[in-house]
Amino acid sequence: MTTDPMEIFLRIILGSILGGAIGFERQRHGRAAGVRTHLIVCLASVLIMIVSYEYYHLPLDSSYIRIDPARIAAGAITGVGFLGAGVIIKSGFTIQGLTTAACLWIVSAIGLSVGSGLYSPAIITFFITIITLWGLRKIEDRLSRLRFKTITFTTDSLDNEQEVIHIIKTSGADISNIDYEMDRDRNIYTYHLHINFKDPEVITKIRKAFAVLSYIKHYYMRG
């Protein structure tokens, strides 16, 4: 039994709307995968599920051919995994793109649900996803969380190491690790300090303190 053409049209339109709405939230916050990406992923998932259903109901002799409609759907989820990996970026201690990757995954699941005609689970999941992205973001922003940075600076003396460590600790940060490099030809020492902290103002305090230290020739922060 094939699906009514109007029913197919409804599923395609609904999938496009739900996927596009989630993509709008991602694009609004400057993420790499925006409206177009999420809309296309959801639309593709809807179509894949429709094709799976129609293919399953072809008039074939089941004694010779066995058709499993779930295999095509499983392939869609695998394909979305590659897209999700593409939006995840690691920079120092910071990993960006995990939420966007999860959105691509849930958009694909919503599309498969719509393509199967399971409208209620798809719409409920859509609203929960939107509430999670919009509502919980404000709660997360208010929570204090541990931040990580690496401070790299160069100096021509090893005598001031304890003073630098004291400045960082009194600023409110903890030092988790210290790496050293030495350039014998130029008599330059390079420090890599891996720090963690909760208050964003810690970085401002460290910058102001470093600005008046004459023995620090150059420094930068990353993470």
C-alpha atoms as a PDB file:
ATOM      1  CA  MET A   1       0.000   0.000   0.000  1.00  0.00           C
ATOM      2  CA  THR A   2       1.615   3.238  -1.154  1.00  0.00           C
ATOM      3  CA  THR A   3       1.334   6.519   0.728  1.00  0.00           C
ATOM      4  CA  ASP A   4      -1.096   9.172  -0.479  1.00  0.00           C
ATOM      5  CA  PRO A   5       0.727  11.955  -2.437  1.00  0.00           C
ATOM      6  CA  MET A   6      -0.767  14.672  -0.220  1.00  0.00           C
ATOM      7  CA  GLU A   7       0.461  12.806   2.837  1.00  0.00           C
ATOM      8  CA  ILE A   8       3.956  12.696   1.343  1.00  0.00           C
ATOM      9  CA  PHE A   9       3.773  16.409   0.569  1.00  0.00           C
ATOM     10  CA  LEU A  10       2.724  17.148   4.169  1.00  0.00           C
ATOM     11  CA  ARG A  11       5.650  15.153   5.562  1.00  0.00           C
ATOM     12  CA  ILE A  12       8.147  16.944   3.341  1.00  0.00           C
ATOM     13  CA  ILE A  13       6.815  20.399   4.270  1.00  0.00           C
ATOM     14  CA  LEU A  14       6.624  19.590   7.994  1.00  0.00           C
ATOM     15  CA  GLY A  15      10.163  18.187   8.005  1.00  0.00           C
ATOM     16  CA  SER A  16      11.451  21.315   6.262  1.00  0.00           C
ATOM     17  CA  ILE A  17       9.756  23.585   8.815  1.00  0.00           C
ATOM     18  CA  LEU A  18      10.985  21.690  11.873  1.00  0.00           C
ATOM     19  CA  GLY A  19      14.542  21.315  10.584  1.00  0.00           C
ATOM     20  CA  GLY A  20      14.724  24.916   9.416  1.00  0.00           C
ATOM     21  CA  ALA A  21      13.482  26.246  12.772  1.00  0.00           C
ATOM     22  CA  ILE A  22      16.214  24.415  14.687  1.00  0.00           C
ATOM     23  CA  GLY A  23      18.762  25.577  12.121  1.00  0.00           C
ATOM     24  CA  PHE A  24      17.607  29.172  12.601  1.00  0.00           C
ATOM     25  CA  GLU A  25      18.504  28.982  16.284  1.00  0.00           C
ATOM     26  CA  ARG A  26      21.973  27.668  15.426  1.00  0.00           C
ATOM     27  CA  GLN A  27      22.568  30.308  12.756  1.00  0.00           C
ATOM     28  CA  ARG A  28      21.360  33.046  15.099  1.00  0.00           C
ATOM     29  CA  HIS A  29      24.243  32.172  17.405  1.00  0.00           C
ATOM     30  CA  GLY A  30      26.805  32.164  14.594  1.00  0.00           C
ATOM     31  CA  ARG A  31      27.253  28.415  14.224  1.00  0.00           C
ATOM     32  CA  ALA A  32      28.704  26.854  11.081  1.00  0.00           C
ATOM     33  CA  ALA A  33      25.634  24.697  10.418  1.00  0.00           C
ATOM     34  CA  GLY A  34      22.637  27.008  10.076  1.00  0.00           C
ATOM     35  CA  VAL A  35      19.186  27.065   8.520  1.00  0.00           C
ATOM     36  CA  ARG A  36      20.127  25.520   5.183  1.00  0.00           C
ATOM     37  CA  THR A  37      22.167  22.680   6.649  1.00  0.00           C
ATOM     38  CA  HIS A  38      19.581  21.644   9.233  1.00  0.00           C
ATOM     39  CA  LEU A  39      16.704  22.015   6.768  1.00  0.00           C
ATOM     40  CA  ILE A  40      18.447  19.852   4.164  1.00  0.00           C
ATOM     41  CA  VAL A  41      19.424  17.195   6.727  1.00  0.00           C
ATOM     42  CA  CYS A  42      15.856  16.962   8.031  1.00  0.00           C
ATOM     43  CA  LEU A  43      14.405  16.973   4.504  1.00  0.00           C
ATOM     44  CA  ALA A  44      16.807  14.232   3.418  1.00  0.00           C
ATOM     45  CA  SER A  45      15.832  12.122   6.427  1.00  0.00           C
ATOM     46  CA  VAL A  46      12.139  12.545   5.615  1.00  0.00           C
ATOM     47  CA  LEU A  47      12.712  11.484   2.030  1.00  0.00           C
ATOM     48  CA  ILE A  48      14.882   8.533   3.056  1.00  0.00           C
ATOM     49  CA  MET A  49      12.136   7.242   5.338  1.00  0.00           C
ATOM     50  CA  ILE A  50       9.468   7.711   2.659  1.00  0.00           C
ATOM     51  CA  VAL A  51      11.613   5.804   0.156  1.00  0.00           C
ATOM     52  CA  SER A  52      12.183   3.066   2.748  1.00  0.00           C
ATOM     53  CA  TYR A  53       8.450   2.721   3.314  1.00  0.00           C
ATOM     54  CA  GLU A  54       7.575   2.716  -0.378  1.00  0.00           C
ATOM     55  CA  TYR A  55      10.365   0.285  -1.211  1.00  0.00           C
ATOM     56  CA  TYR A  56       9.169  -2.062   1.532  1.00  0.00           C
ATOM     57  CA  HIS A  57       5.704  -2.196  -0.026  1.00  0.00           C
ATOM     58  CA  LEU A  58       6.854  -3.044  -3.551  1.00  0.00           C
ATOM     59  CA  PRO A  59       5.096  -6.138  -4.968  1.00  0.00           C
ATOM     60  CA  LEU A  60       8.070  -8.473  -4.620  1.00  0.00           C
ATOM     61  CA  ASP A  61       8.118 -12.180  -3.837  1.00  0.00           C
ATOM     62  CA  SER A  62       9.078 -12.355  -0.150  1.00  0.00           C
ATOM     63  CA  SER A  63      10.228 -15.948  -0.536  1.00  0.00           C
ATOM     64  CA  TYR A  64      13.164 -14.744  -2.655  1.00  0.00           C
ATOM     65  CA  ILE A  65      13.709 -11.146  -1.514  1.00  0.00           C
ATOM     66  CA  ARG A  66      13.622  -9.839   2.018  1.00  0.00           C
ATOM     67  CA  ILE A  67      13.451  -6.074   2.426  1.00  0.00           C
ATOM     68  CA  ASP A  68      14.386  -4.355   5.681  1.00  0.00           C
ATOM     69  CA  PRO A  69      13.237  -0.697   5.667  1.00  0.00           C
ATOM     70  CA  ALA A  70      15.267   0.042   8.804  1.00  0.00           C
ATOM     71  CA  ARG A  71      18.584  -0.376   6.959  1.00  0.00           C
ATOM     72  CA  ILE A  72      18.164   2.762   4.865  1.00  0.00           C
ATOM     73  CA  ALA A  73      17.204   4.740   7.974  1.00  0.00           C
ATOM     74  CA  ALA A  74      20.285   3.433   9.777  1.00  0.00           C
ATOM     75  CA  GLY A  75      22.390   4.631   6.853  1.00  0.00           C
ATOM     76  CA  ALA A  76      20.948   8.130   7.265  1.00  0.00           C
ATOM     77  CA  ILE A  77      22.040   8.276  10.903  1.00  0.00           C
ATOM     78  CA  THR A  78      25.533   7.112   9.914  1.00  0.00           C
ATOM     79  CA  GLY A  79      25.773   9.824   7.273  1.00  0.00           C
ATOM     80  CA  VAL A  80      24.760  12.507   9.762  1.00  0.00           C
ATOM     81  CA  GLY A  81      27.606  11.328  11.987  1.00  0.00           C
ATOM     82  CA  PHE A  82      30.104  12.516   9.364  1.00  0.00           C
ATOM     83  CA  LEU A  83      28.406  15.908   9.190  1.00  0.00           C
ATOM     84  CA  GLY A  84      28.484  16.196  12.969  1.00  0.00           C
ATOM     85  CA  ALA A  85      32.206  15.453  13.052  1.00  0.00           C
ATOM     86  CA  GLY A  86      32.752  18.261  10.560  1.00  0.00           C
ATOM     87  CA  VAL A  87      31.292  20.966  12.830  1.00  0.00           C
ATOM     88  CA  ILE A  88      33.243  19.989  15.951  1.00  0.00           C
ATOM     89  CA  ILE A  89      36.352  22.127  16.441  1.00  0.00           C
ATOM     90  CA  LYS A  90      38.983  21.712  19.175  1.00  0.00           C
ATOM     91  CA  SER A  91      41.041  24.753  20.109  1.00  0.00           C
ATOM     92  CA  GLY A  92      43.370  24.252  23.053  1.00  0.00           C
ATOM     93  CA  PHE A  93      41.246  23.112  25.978  1.00  0.00           C
ATOM     94  CA  THR A  94      38.051  24.325  24.321  1.00  0.00           C
ATOM     95  CA  ILE A  95      35.805  22.160  22.159  1.00  0.00           C
ATOM     96  CA  GLN A  96      33.206  23.932  20.025  1.00  0.00           C
ATOM     97  CA  GLY A  97      30.398  22.517  17.918  1.00  0.00           C
ATOM     98  CA  LEU A  98      29.177  19.659  20.108  1.00  0.00           C
ATOM     99  CA  THR A  99      25.695  21.181  20.479  1.00  0.00           C
ATOM    100  CA  THR A 100      25.459  21.845  16.738  1.00  0.00           C
ATOM    101  CA  ALA A 101      26.511  18.256  16.014  1.00  0.00           C
ATOM    102  CA  ALA A 102      23.832  17.026  18.427  1.00  0.00           C
ATOM    103  CA  CYS A 103      21.301  19.282  16.665  1.00  0.00           C
ATOM    104  CA  LEU A 104      22.129  17.706  13.302  1.00  0.00           C
ATOM    105  CA  TRP A 105      21.622  14.292  14.868  1.00  0.00           C
ATOM    106  CA  ILE A 106      18.256  15.170  16.448  1.00  0.00           C
ATOM    107  CA  VAL A 107      17.131  16.905  13.235  1.00  0.00           C
ATOM    108  CA  SER A 108      17.826  13.695  11.348  1.00  0.00           C
ATOM    109  CA  ALA A 109      15.848  11.710  13.919  1.00  0.00           C
ATOM    110  CA  ILE A 110      12.961  14.184  13.657  1.00  0.00           C
ATOM    111  CA  GLY A 111      13.036  13.839   9.869  1.00  0.00           C
ATOM    112  CA  LEU A 112      12.925  10.049  10.081  1.00  0.00           C
ATOM    113  CA  SER A 113       9.995  10.299  12.480  1.00  0.00           C
ATOM    114  CA  VAL A 114       8.096  12.668  10.183  1.00  0.00           C
ATOM    115  CA  GLY A 115       8.893  10.477   7.188  1.00  0.00           C
ATOM    116  CA  SER A 116       7.378   7.528   9.039  1.00  0.00           C
ATOM    117  CA  GLY A 117       4.197   9.465   9.776  1.00  0.00           C
ATOM    118  CA  LEU A 118       4.930   9.704  13.507  1.00  0.00           C
ATOM    119  CA  TYR A 119       3.989  13.363  13.766  1.00  0.00           C
ATOM    120  CA  SER A 120       3.362  13.596  17.510  1.00  0.00           C
ATOM    121  CA  PRO A 121       6.804  12.284  18.598  1.00  0.00           C
ATOM    122  CA  ALA A 122       8.480  14.500  15.985  1.00  0.00           C
ATOM    123  CA  ILE A 123       6.686  17.686  17.064  1.00  0.00           C
ATOM    124  CA  ILE A 124       7.143  16.985  20.779  1.00  0.00           C
ATOM    125  CA  THR A 125      10.858  16.325  20.233  1.00  0.00           C
ATOM    126  CA  PHE A 126      11.098  19.522  18.202  1.00  0.00           C
ATOM    127  CA  PHE A 127       9.634  21.656  20.998  1.00  0.00           C
ATOM    128  CA  ILE A 128      11.826  20.016  23.635  1.00  0.00           C
ATOM    129  CA  THR A 129      14.872  20.709  21.442  1.00  0.00           C
ATOM    130  CA  ILE A 130      13.924  24.375  20.980  1.00  0.00           C
ATOM    131  CA  ILE A 131      13.325  24.808  24.727  1.00  0.00           C
ATOM    132  CA  THR A 132      16.687  23.186  25.429  1.00  0.00           C
ATOM    133  CA  LEU A 133      18.526  25.456  23.005  1.00  0.00           C
ATOM    134  CA  TRP A 134      16.824  28.719  23.941  1.00  0.00           C
ATOM    135  CA  GLY A 135      15.750  28.280  27.546  1.00  0.00           C
ATOM    136  CA  LEU A 136      18.598  26.307  29.051  1.00  0.00           C
ATOM    137  CA  ARG A 137      21.185  28.576  27.398  1.00  0.00           C
ATOM    138  CA  LYS A 138      20.212  31.386  29.803  1.00  0.00           C
ATOM    139  CA  ILE A 139      20.508  29.046  32.786  1.00  0.00           C
ATOM    140  CA  GLU A 140      23.915  27.801  31.608  1.00  0.00           C
ATOM    141  CA  ASP A 141      25.191  31.354  31.223  1.00  0.00           C
ATOM    142  CA  ARG A 142      24.396  32.050  34.871  1.00  0.00           C
ATOM    143  CA  LEU A 143      26.191  28.959  36.151  1.00  0.00           C
ATOM    144  CA  SER A 144      29.854  29.299  37.089  1.00  0.00           C
ATOM    145  CA  ARG A 145      31.945  26.849  35.122  1.00  0.00           C
ATOM    146  CA  LEU A 146      35.599  25.981  34.986  1.00  0.00           C
ATOM    147  CA  ARG A 147      37.476  27.684  32.140  1.00  0.00           C
ATOM    148  CA  PHE A 148      40.869  26.730  30.732  1.00  0.00           C
ATOM    149  CA  LYS A 149      43.621  28.767  29.132  1.00  0.00           C
ATOM    150  CA  THR A 150      47.276  28.438  28.255  1.00  0.00           C
ATOM    151  CA  ILE A 151      49.498  31.452  28.941  1.00  0.00           C
ATOM    152  CA  THR A 152      52.741  31.541  26.986  1.00  0.00           C
ATOM    153  CA  PHE A 153      55.364  34.166  27.806  1.00  0.00           C
ATOM    154  CA  THR A 154      59.059  34.732  27.141  1.00  0.00           C
ATOM    155  CA  THR A 155      61.660  36.149  29.503  1.00  0.00           C
ATOM    156  CA  ASP A 156      65.442  36.452  29.696  1.00  0.00           C
ATOM    157  CA  SER A 157      65.653  35.391  33.338  1.00  0.00           C
ATOM    158  CA  LEU A 158      64.552  32.467  35.474  1.00  0.00           C
ATOM    159  CA  ASP A 159      64.648  34.490  38.682  1.00  0.00           C
ATOM    160  CA  ASN A 160      61.091  35.778  38.438  1.00  0.00           C
ATOM    161  CA  GLU A 161      59.193  32.536  38.009  1.00  0.00           C
ATOM    162  CA  GLN A 162      57.753  32.520  41.518  1.00  0.00           C
ATOM    163  CA  GLU A 163      56.523  36.103  41.153  1.00  0.00           C
ATOM    164  CA  VAL A 164      54.615  35.226  37.965  1.00  0.00           C
ATOM    165  CA  ILE A 165      53.090  32.168  39.621  1.00  0.00           C
ATOM    166  CA  HIS A 166      52.088  34.293  42.612  1.00  0.00           C
ATOM    167  CA  ILE A 167      50.418  36.878  40.327  1.00  0.00           C
ATOM    168  CA  ILE A 168      48.389  34.198  38.563  1.00  0.00           C
ATOM    169  CA  LYS A 169      47.277  32.547  41.785  1.00  0.00           C
ATOM    170  CA  THR A 170      46.318  35.823  43.483  1.00  0.00           C
ATOM    171  CA  SER A 171      44.289  36.695  40.368  1.00  0.00           C
ATOM    172  CA  GLY A 172      42.039  33.721  41.131  1.00  0.00           C
ATOM    173  CA  ALA A 173      43.423  31.039  38.796  1.00  0.00           C
ATOM    174  CA  ASP A 174      44.975  27.647  39.504  1.00  0.00           C
ATOM    175  CA  ILE A 175      48.006  26.403  37.573  1.00  0.00           C
ATOM    176  CA  SER A 176      47.577  22.797  36.463  1.00  0.00           C
ATOM    177  CA  ASN A 177      50.853  22.422  34.560  1.00  0.00           C
ATOM    178  CA  ILE A 178      53.990  24.362  33.552  1.00  0.00           C
ATOM    179  CA  ASP A 179      56.150  23.607  30.497  1.00  0.00           C
ATOM    180  CA  TYR A 180      59.510  25.192  29.753  1.00  0.00           C
ATOM    181  CA  GLU A 181      61.531  25.917  26.633  1.00  0.00           C
ATOM    182  CA  MET A 182      65.026  27.426  26.445  1.00  0.00           C
ATOM    183  CA  ASP A 183      66.810  29.126  23.540  1.00  0.00           C
ATOM    184  CA  ARG A 184      70.517  29.042  24.472  1.00  0.00           C
ATOM    185  CA  ASP A 185      71.628  31.156  21.514  1.00  0.00           C
ATOM    186  CA  ARG A 186      69.396  34.105  22.397  1.00  0.00           C
ATOM    187  CA  ASN A 187      69.197  33.395  26.142  1.00  0.00           C
ATOM    188  CA  ILE A 188      65.382  33.382  26.047  1.00  0.00           C
ATOM    189  CA  TYR A 189      63.158  31.223  28.212  1.00  0.00           C
ATOM    190  CA  THR A 190      59.597  30.358  27.213  1.00  0.00           C
ATOM    191  CA  TYR A 191      56.955  29.334  29.734  1.00  0.00           C
ATOM    192  CA  HIS A 192      53.672  27.591  28.963  1.00  0.00           C
ATOM    193  CA  LEU A 193      51.335  27.822  31.941  1.00  0.00           C
ATOM    194  CA  HIS A 194      48.101  25.833  31.800  1.00  0.00           C
ATOM    195  CA  ILE A 195      45.575  27.501  34.092  1.00  0.00           C
ATOM    196  CA  ASN A 196      41.937  27.001  35.079  1.00  0.00           C
ATOM    197  CA  PHE A 197      39.525  29.469  36.656  1.00  0.00           C
ATOM    198  CA  LYS A 198      35.818  30.293  37.034  1.00  0.00           C
ATOM    199  CA  ASP A 199      35.677  34.100  37.048  1.00  0.00           C
ATOM    200  CA  PRO A 200      36.183  35.620  33.541  1.00  0.00           C
ATOM    201  CA  GLU A 201      37.715  38.713  35.183  1.00  0.00           C
ATOM    202  CA  VAL A 202      40.777  36.609  36.049  1.00  0.00           C
ATOM    203  CA  ILE A 203      42.150  37.114  32.532  1.00  0.00           C
ATOM    204  CA  THR A 204      41.794  40.899  32.809  1.00  0.00           C
ATOM    205  CA  LYS A 205      43.680  40.891  36.117  1.00  0.00           C
ATOM    206  CA  ILE A 206      46.512  38.807  34.669  1.00  0.00           C
ATOM    207  CA  ARG A 207      46.810  41.050  31.624  1.00  0.00           C
ATOM    208  CA  LYS A 208      47.051  44.185  33.764  1.00  0.00           C
ATOM    209  CA  ALA A 209      49.692  42.571  35.964  1.00  0.00           C
ATOM    210  CA  PHE A 210      51.758  41.356  32.988  1.00  0.00           C
ATOM    211  CA  ALA A 211      51.638  44.826  31.390  1.00  0.00           C
ATOM    212  CA  VAL A 212      53.863  46.301  34.122  1.00  0.00           C
ATOM    213  CA  LEU A 213      56.362  43.434  34.317  1.00  0.00           C
ATOM    214  CA  SER A 214      59.443  44.573  32.408  1.00  0.00           C
ATOM    215  CA  TYR A 215      61.106  41.156  32.372  1.00  0.00           C
ATOM    216  CA  ILE A 216      58.239  39.628  30.337  1.00  0.00           C
ATOM    217  CA  LYS A 217      59.238  40.283  26.728  1.00  0.00           C
ATOM    218  CA  HIS A 218      56.224  38.774  25.025  1.00  0.00           C
ATOM    219  CA  TYR A 219      53.112  36.852  26.028  1.00  0.00           C
ATOM    220  CA  TYR A 220      49.847  35.528  24.591  1.00  0.00           C
ATOM    221  CA  MET A 221      46.890  33.460  25.774  1.00  0.00           C
ATOM    222  CA  ARG A 222      44.945  30.779  24.012  1.00  0.00           C
ATOM    223  CA  GLY A 223      42.188  28.334  24.858  1.00  0.00           C
END
